[in-house]
Amino acid sequence: PQEVDRDSYAISFNKGCYLGQETIARLDALGQVQKKLIPVKITTHSHPSAPQNIHAGVDSDGKPVIAGTLTSAYLLQNRSSVVGWSMLKRKYFKLAVPLTLESGEQITLS
């Protein structure tokens, strides 16, 4: 639930014992998740394949820095744009870094 921002809808921190309570309590105590499911817009009018890596530039060795994964992509019915879901690493939730897909398309966080 924390990875999809559903804490207030899906988790009771006042309830008694339940399956998975230890994991939920640990995430609550740490106050952060390491990855999150985030909607994205993709600058293309074709349908990109998923899954594929999302890059945030290159490192000092010239290798791409992987910010996360595009998990799904959908061409909107009016074919005006492509939207999708990505699982991004914590560092890139709100970071203003240009993100691109492995296939080269630019993406923006929705």
Foldseek 3Di string as FASTA:
>chain_A
DVQAPCCVPPDDPPDDDDPPNVVVVVCVVVVDDFKHKFKKWWPDLDADDDWFFKFQAADPVRHTDTFWTFHHKDQDPVSPTIMGIIIGGPVVPPDPTWIATPVGITMDTD
